[in-house]
Amino acid sequence: GRDRANPSGVILSSSMMLRHVGEREAGQRVEDALAAVLADGHDVTQDLRGPGDERSAVGTRRMAEAVAERLRGAR
């Protein structure tokens, strides 16, 4: 309930489940969206910030929303 947890594990698990049920393309899209958010580095939780990165970290919800936005093609 602190909005601090890194949601990557849950998001990757959903990607794996989609592949397991035969939705390979959807699973890949989820993984690609997460990879894009991580590569951008803007909307990530504190544990994903590198040493010396002075940008503000976001919470769990915002990072998950950033992945969803990538899935929708909003960014």
Protein backbone atom coordinates (compact mmCIF):
# COMPACT_ATOMS: atom_id res chain seq x y z
CA GLY A 1 0.00 0.00 0.00
CA ARG A 2 2.99 2.36 -0.15
CA ASP A 3 3.11 2.66 -3.95
CA ARG A 4 6.84 1.84 -3.99
CA ALA A 5 7.08 -1.73 -5.31
CA ASN A 6 8.60 -2.41 -8.71
CA PRO A 7 5.75 -3.88 -10.85
CA SER A 8 8.07 -5.48 -13.43
CA GLY A 9 7.76 -9.01 -12.03
CA VAL A 10 3.97 -8.97 -12.14
CA ILE A 11 3.98 -7.46 -15.62
CA LEU A 12 6.43 -10.06 -16.94
CA SER A 13 4.38 -12.82 -15.30
CA SER A 14 1.33 -11.60 -17.19
CA SER A 15 3.34 -11.69 -20.41
CA MET A 16 4.34 -15.28 -19.71
CA MET A 17 0.74 -16.24 -18.93
CA LEU A 18 -0.46 -14.72 -22.18
CA ARG A 19 2.09 -16.79 -24.07
CA HIS A 20 1.09 -19.89 -22.12
CA VAL A 21 -2.55 -19.53 -23.19
CA GLY A 22 -1.54 -19.08 -26.82
CA GLU A 23 -1.56 -15.29 -26.97
CA ARG A 24 2.06 -15.01 -28.04
CA GLU A 25 1.72 -11.68 -29.84
CA ALA A 26 -0.06 -10.07 -26.88
CA GLY A 27 2.58 -11.42 -24.51
CA GLN A 28 5.33 -9.98 -26.67
CA ARG A 29 3.57 -6.60 -26.80
CA VAL A 30 3.43 -6.49 -22.99
CA GLU A 31 7.10 -7.37 -22.73
CA ASP A 32 8.04 -4.80 -25.38
CA ALA A 33 6.05 -2.10 -23.60
CA LEU A 34 7.82 -2.83 -20.31
CA ALA A 35 11.20 -2.85 -22.06
CA ALA A 36 10.44 0.54 -23.60
CA VAL A 37 9.54 2.05 -20.22
CA LEU A 38 12.69 0.62 -18.67
CA ALA A 39 14.85 1.87 -21.55
CA ASP A 40 13.32 5.34 -21.30
CA GLY A 41 14.05 5.35 -17.57
CA HIS A 42 11.66 8.19 -16.80
CA ASP A 43 8.67 6.40 -15.24
CA VAL A 44 10.46 3.81 -13.12
CA THR A 45 10.51 3.02 -9.42
CA GLN A 46 13.38 4.03 -7.17
CA ASP A 47 15.04 0.60 -7.21
CA LEU A 48 15.51 0.92 -10.97
CA ARG A 49 17.32 4.25 -10.72
CA GLY A 50 21.06 4.14 -11.11
CA PRO A 51 23.51 5.71 -8.68
CA GLY A 52 23.67 9.43 -9.23
CA ASP A 53 20.35 9.56 -11.10
CA GLU A 54 18.82 12.67 -9.63
CA ARG A 55 15.43 12.42 -11.34
CA SER A 56 12.48 11.70 -9.10
CA ALA A 57 11.32 8.12 -9.03
CA VAL A 58 7.67 7.28 -9.57
CA GLY A 59 5.45 4.87 -7.69
CA THR A 60 4.16 1.44 -8.62
CA ARG A 61 0.95 2.79 -10.10
CA ARG A 62 2.64 5.36 -12.34
CA MET A 63 5.12 2.83 -13.69
CA ALA A 64 2.32 0.38 -14.48
CA GLU A 65 0.35 3.20 -16.14
CA ALA A 66 3.40 4.06 -18.28
CA VAL A 67 3.52 0.44 -19.49
CA ALA A 68 -0.22 0.53 -20.26
CA GLU A 69 0.26 3.78 -22.19
CA ARG A 70 2.97 2.14 -24.26
CA LEU A 71 0.62 -0.76 -24.98
CA ARG A 72 -2.01 1.68 -26.20
CA GLY A 73 0.57 3.48 -28.31
CA ALA A 74 0.08 6.73 -26.42
CA ARG A 75 3.83 7.32 -26.06
